[in-house]
């Protein structure tokens, strides 16, 4: 009798574990929308809490475009830009008019910054990252035909390589999976030494690849085969 029960328990546990795993994936959501970025002391749009959709109820949506453009000025770190654009997108999901206006402003800024060296690369990155974030915000129904990923690749080339931009490209190319995903992740991990904030974000967003930077380094070398 015991021999008959154990296999049944084993099968039940396997099914239960699988259900938890797939339920977790279902709850995870689009990575550019549902997974906040740790920006340390960086300044971003007002936020109401720790949740991915924790909008500040006192924030006026009419200020969104101007505030976002202001927060993306100068040489603000890429991670801060990513979180600002994530928050801007979530606010814009409540106001498609603001979404269209923000995209138009970033498009015009990227066109104007073509000859401005490093700032031109950042302006191009902002535009591309916003487009890819909009794509994951399905309720916006905006930008599905735009190729923000290619703009980010051009921004990386203009910068002569940038680990934080590679991190952004790794996230975008993971879902849905693109051919260059492994290379982006490798470049981000290799460039994370001495950058605790990038390291923290890598570990939180790619925790399935490793819980420490050393584990990530050991695992991303085989990412092409995953």
Protein backbone atom coordinates (compact mmCIF):
# COMPACT_ATOMS: atom_id res chain seq x y z
CA UNK A 1 0.00 0.00 0.00
CA UNK A 2 2.84 2.39 0.87
CA UNK A 3 4.49 1.82 -2.47
CA UNK A 4 1.32 2.98 -4.23
CA UNK A 5 0.96 6.15 -2.16
CA UNK A 6 4.50 7.56 -2.56
CA UNK A 7 4.40 7.82 -6.37
CA UNK A 8 1.03 9.54 -6.08
CA UNK A 9 2.43 12.04 -3.60
CA UNK A 10 5.45 12.61 -5.85
CA UNK A 11 3.27 13.32 -8.86
CA UNK A 12 1.06 15.65 -6.84
CA UNK A 13 4.06 17.61 -5.57
CA UNK A 14 5.44 17.92 -9.09
CA UNK A 15 2.15 19.24 -10.41
CA UNK A 16 1.81 21.64 -7.46
CA UNK A 17 5.36 22.96 -7.95
CA UNK A 18 4.74 23.44 -11.67
CA UNK A 19 1.54 25.35 -11.00
CA UNK A 20 3.35 27.68 -8.60
CA UNK A 21 6.13 28.21 -11.17
CA UNK A 22 3.79 29.09 -14.02
CA UNK A 23 1.61 31.19 -11.74
CA UNK A 24 4.69 33.20 -10.77
CA UNK A 25 5.56 33.75 -14.44
CA UNK A 26 2.00 34.86 -15.17
CA UNK A 27 2.14 37.38 -12.32
CA UNK A 28 5.55 38.69 -13.33
CA UNK A 29 4.21 40.63 -16.30
CA UNK A 30 6.11 42.58 -18.95
CA UNK A 31 9.61 43.30 -17.60
CA UNK A 32 9.79 46.94 -18.69
CA UNK A 33 6.48 47.71 -16.97
CA UNK A 34 6.06 45.45 -13.98
CA UNK A 35 9.60 45.30 -12.57
CA UNK A 36 10.73 48.60 -10.97
CA UNK A 37 14.38 49.60 -11.23
CA UNK A 38 16.50 50.44 -8.20
CA UNK A 39 17.82 53.96 -8.81
CA UNK A 40 19.30 54.60 -5.38
CA UNK A 41 19.14 58.33 -4.68
CA UNK A 42 18.29 59.19 -8.28
CA UNK A 43 15.35 61.50 -8.91
CA UNK A 44 12.35 60.31 -10.89
CA UNK A 45 8.64 61.01 -11.26
CA UNK A 46 6.56 61.05 -8.05
CA UNK A 47 5.48 57.62 -6.94
CA UNK A 48 3.00 56.42 -4.35
CA UNK A 49 4.67 53.29 -2.97
CA UNK A 50 6.65 50.16 -3.77
CA UNK A 51 4.16 48.51 -6.10
CA UNK A 52 4.75 48.47 -9.85
CA UNK A 53 1.55 50.48 -10.41
CA UNK A 54 1.76 52.70 -7.31
CA UNK A 55 0.75 55.98 -8.95
CA UNK A 56 0.85 59.07 -6.77
CA UNK A 57 -2.83 60.10 -6.50
CA UNK A 58 -1.78 63.73 -6.02
CA UNK A 59 0.29 63.91 -9.19
CA UNK A 60 -1.20 66.00 -12.01
CA UNK A 61 -1.04 64.15 -15.32
CA UNK A 62 -0.90 67.50 -17.13
CA UNK A 63 2.67 67.85 -15.84
CA UNK A 64 3.79 64.45 -17.11
CA UNK A 65 5.42 65.41 -20.40
CA UNK A 66 7.29 68.46 -19.10
CA UNK A 67 8.39 66.67 -15.93
CA UNK A 68 9.63 63.63 -17.84
CA UNK A 69 11.62 65.70 -20.34
CA UNK A 70 13.17 67.64 -17.47
CA UNK A 71 14.17 64.46 -15.61
CA UNK A 72 15.84 63.11 -18.76
CA UNK A 73 18.03 66.16 -19.27
CA UNK A 74 21.82 66.16 -19.34
CA UNK A 75 23.80 63.08 -18.41
CA UNK A 76 21.30 61.49 -16.02
CA UNK A 77 22.30 57.81 -15.50
CA UNK A 78 20.68 55.29 -17.82
CA UNK A 79 19.09 53.34 -14.94
CA UNK A 80 17.33 56.49 -13.75
CA UNK A 81 16.15 57.14 -17.31
CA UNK A 82 14.73 53.60 -17.47
CA UNK A 83 12.76 53.98 -14.24
CA UNK A 84 11.53 57.44 -15.23
CA UNK A 85 10.28 56.13 -18.58
CA UNK A 86 8.67 53.14 -16.84
CA UNK A 87 6.77 55.44 -14.50
CA UNK A 88 5.89 57.84 -17.31
CA UNK A 89 4.43 54.98 -19.33
CA UNK A 90 2.29 53.79 -16.43
CA UNK A 91 0.97 57.30 -15.89
CA UNK A 92 0.39 57.64 -19.65
CA UNK A 93 -1.68 54.44 -19.65
CA UNK A 94 -4.31 56.61 -17.96
CA UNK A 95 -4.00 59.32 -20.60
CA UNK A 96 -3.26 58.32 -24.24
CA UNK A 97 -3.01 61.98 -25.25
CA UNK A 98 -0.06 62.45 -22.89
CA UNK A 99 1.47 59.23 -24.22
CA UNK A 100 1.39 60.53 -27.80
CA UNK A 101 2.72 63.95 -26.77
CA UNK A 102 5.63 62.46 -24.82
CA UNK A 103 6.62 60.28 -27.76
CA UNK A 104 6.45 63.24 -30.14
CA UNK A 105 8.65 65.33 -27.85
CA UNK A 106 11.27 62.60 -27.47
CA UNK A 107 11.23 61.97 -31.22
CA UNK A 108 11.84 65.66 -31.94
CA UNK A 109 14.57 65.80 -29.30
CA UNK A 110 16.36 62.75 -30.75
CA UNK A 111 16.22 64.25 -34.25
CA UNK A 112 17.64 67.55 -32.96
CA UNK A 113 20.43 65.82 -31.01
CA UNK A 114 21.87 63.77 -33.86
CA UNK A 115 25.09 65.77 -33.99
CA UNK A 116 25.49 66.23 -30.24
CA UNK A 117 27.77 63.31 -29.37
CA UNK A 118 27.03 61.59 -26.08
CA UNK A 119 23.83 63.52 -25.43
CA UNK A 120 22.63 62.49 -28.88
CA UNK A 121 23.11 58.86 -27.85
CA UNK A 122 21.11 59.41 -24.65
CA UNK A 123 18.29 61.15 -26.53
CA UNK A 124 18.18 58.26 -29.00
CA UNK A 125 18.18 55.75 -26.13
CA UNK A 126 15.27 57.55 -24.41
CA UNK A 127 13.19 57.44 -27.57
CA UNK A 128 13.91 53.79 -28.24
CA UNK A 129 13.32 52.73 -24.66
CA UNK A 130 10.01 54.60 -24.49
CA UNK A 131 8.85 52.89 -27.68
CA UNK A 132 9.68 49.44 -26.36
CA UNK A 133 8.01 50.22 -23.01
CA UNK A 134 4.90 51.46 -24.80
CA UNK A 135 4.75 48.18 -26.69
CA UNK A 136 4.58 46.26 -23.43
CA UNK A 137 1.80 48.55 -22.14
CA UNK A 138 -0.79 46.86 -24.32
CA UNK A 139 -3.63 49.07 -23.10
CA UNK A 140 -1.93 52.06 -24.75
CA UNK A 141 -2.24 50.48 -28.20
CA UNK A 142 0.61 52.72 -29.29
CA UNK A 143 3.88 52.14 -31.08
CA UNK A 144 3.44 48.48 -31.92
CA UNK A 145 4.95 49.16 -35.36
CA UNK A 146 7.94 51.13 -33.99
CA UNK A 147 11.42 49.62 -33.57
CA UNK A 148 12.83 51.08 -30.39
CA UNK A 149 15.28 48.21 -30.02
CA UNK A 150 17.25 49.22 -33.11
CA UNK A 151 17.48 52.78 -31.77
CA UNK A 152 18.97 51.45 -28.53
CA UNK A 153 21.53 49.43 -30.49
CA UNK A 154 22.54 52.62 -32.33
CA UNK A 155 22.79 54.48 -29.01
CA UNK A 156 25.11 51.77 -27.65
CA UNK A 157 27.34 52.11 -30.69
CA UNK A 158 27.41 55.90 -30.34
CA UNK A 159 28.46 55.52 -26.70
CA UNK A 160 31.19 53.07 -27.62
CA UNK A 161 29.53 50.52 -25.37
CA UNK A 162 27.52 51.13 -22.21
CA UNK A 163 26.77 48.38 -19.61
CA UNK A 164 23.53 50.03 -18.45
CA UNK A 165 22.27 50.33 -22.02
CA UNK A 166 23.28 46.71 -22.57
CA UNK A 167 21.18 45.84 -19.50
CA UNK A 168 18.21 47.62 -21.10
CA UNK A 169 18.81 45.78 -24.38
CA UNK A 170 19.03 42.47 -22.48
CA UNK A 171 15.62 43.08 -20.91
CA UNK A 172 14.04 44.05 -24.21
CA UNK A 173 15.56 41.12 -26.09
CA UNK A 174 14.52 38.61 -23.41
CA UNK A 175 10.77 39.07 -23.89
CA UNK A 176 10.17 38.16 -26.63
CA UNK A 177 13.55 36.46 -27.02
CA UNK A 178 15.87 37.91 -29.65
CA UNK A 179 19.01 36.42 -31.13
CA UNK A 180 21.37 38.91 -29.45
CA UNK A 181 19.94 38.55 -25.94
CA UNK A 182 22.85 36.48 -24.60
CA UNK A 183 25.42 38.98 -25.87
CA UNK A 184 23.61 41.93 -24.30
CA UNK A 185 23.42 40.18 -20.95
CA UNK A 186 27.09 39.22 -21.10
CA UNK A 187 28.13 42.82 -21.82
CA UNK A 188 25.98 44.13 -18.97
CA UNK A 189 27.37 41.62 -16.47
CA UNK A 190 30.96 42.19 -17.56
CA UNK A 191 30.53 45.93 -17.18
CA UNK A 192 28.85 45.75 -13.76
CA UNK A 193 32.09 45.50 -11.76
CA UNK A 194 32.39 48.54 -9.54
CA UNK A 195 28.77 49.53 -10.22
CA UNK A 196 26.70 48.30 -7.27
CA UNK A 197 23.45 49.75 -8.60
CA UNK A 198 23.73 47.99 -11.95
CA UNK A 199 24.74 44.81 -10.10
CA UNK A 200 21.65 45.04 -7.88
CA UNK A 201 19.35 45.52 -10.88
CA UNK A 202 20.93 42.65 -12.76
CA UNK A 203 20.42 40.34 -9.80
CA UNK A 204 16.81 41.40 -9.29
CA UNK A 205 15.80 41.23 -12.96
CA UNK A 206 17.80 38.12 -13.89
CA UNK A 207 17.62 36.24 -10.60
CA UNK A 208 16.98 33.03 -12.52
CA UNK A 209 20.55 33.33 -13.84
CA UNK A 210 22.24 33.90 -10.47
CA UNK A 211 21.84 35.42 -7.02
CA UNK A 212 25.26 37.08 -7.01
CA UNK A 213 27.38 38.81 -9.64
CA UNK A 214 29.78 35.87 -9.52
CA UNK A 215 26.96 33.43 -10.27
CA UNK A 216 25.76 35.63 -13.10
CA UNK A 217 29.26 35.74 -14.57
CA UNK A 218 29.47 31.97 -14.37
CA UNK A 219 26.09 31.46 -16.00
CA UNK A 220 25.82 34.06 -18.75
CA UNK A 221 28.65 32.42 -20.67
CA UNK A 222 26.26 29.57 -21.46
CA UNK A 223 23.26 31.86 -22.03
CA UNK A 224 23.47 31.32 -25.80
CA UNK A 225 22.50 27.71 -25.25
CA UNK A 226 19.46 28.49 -23.10
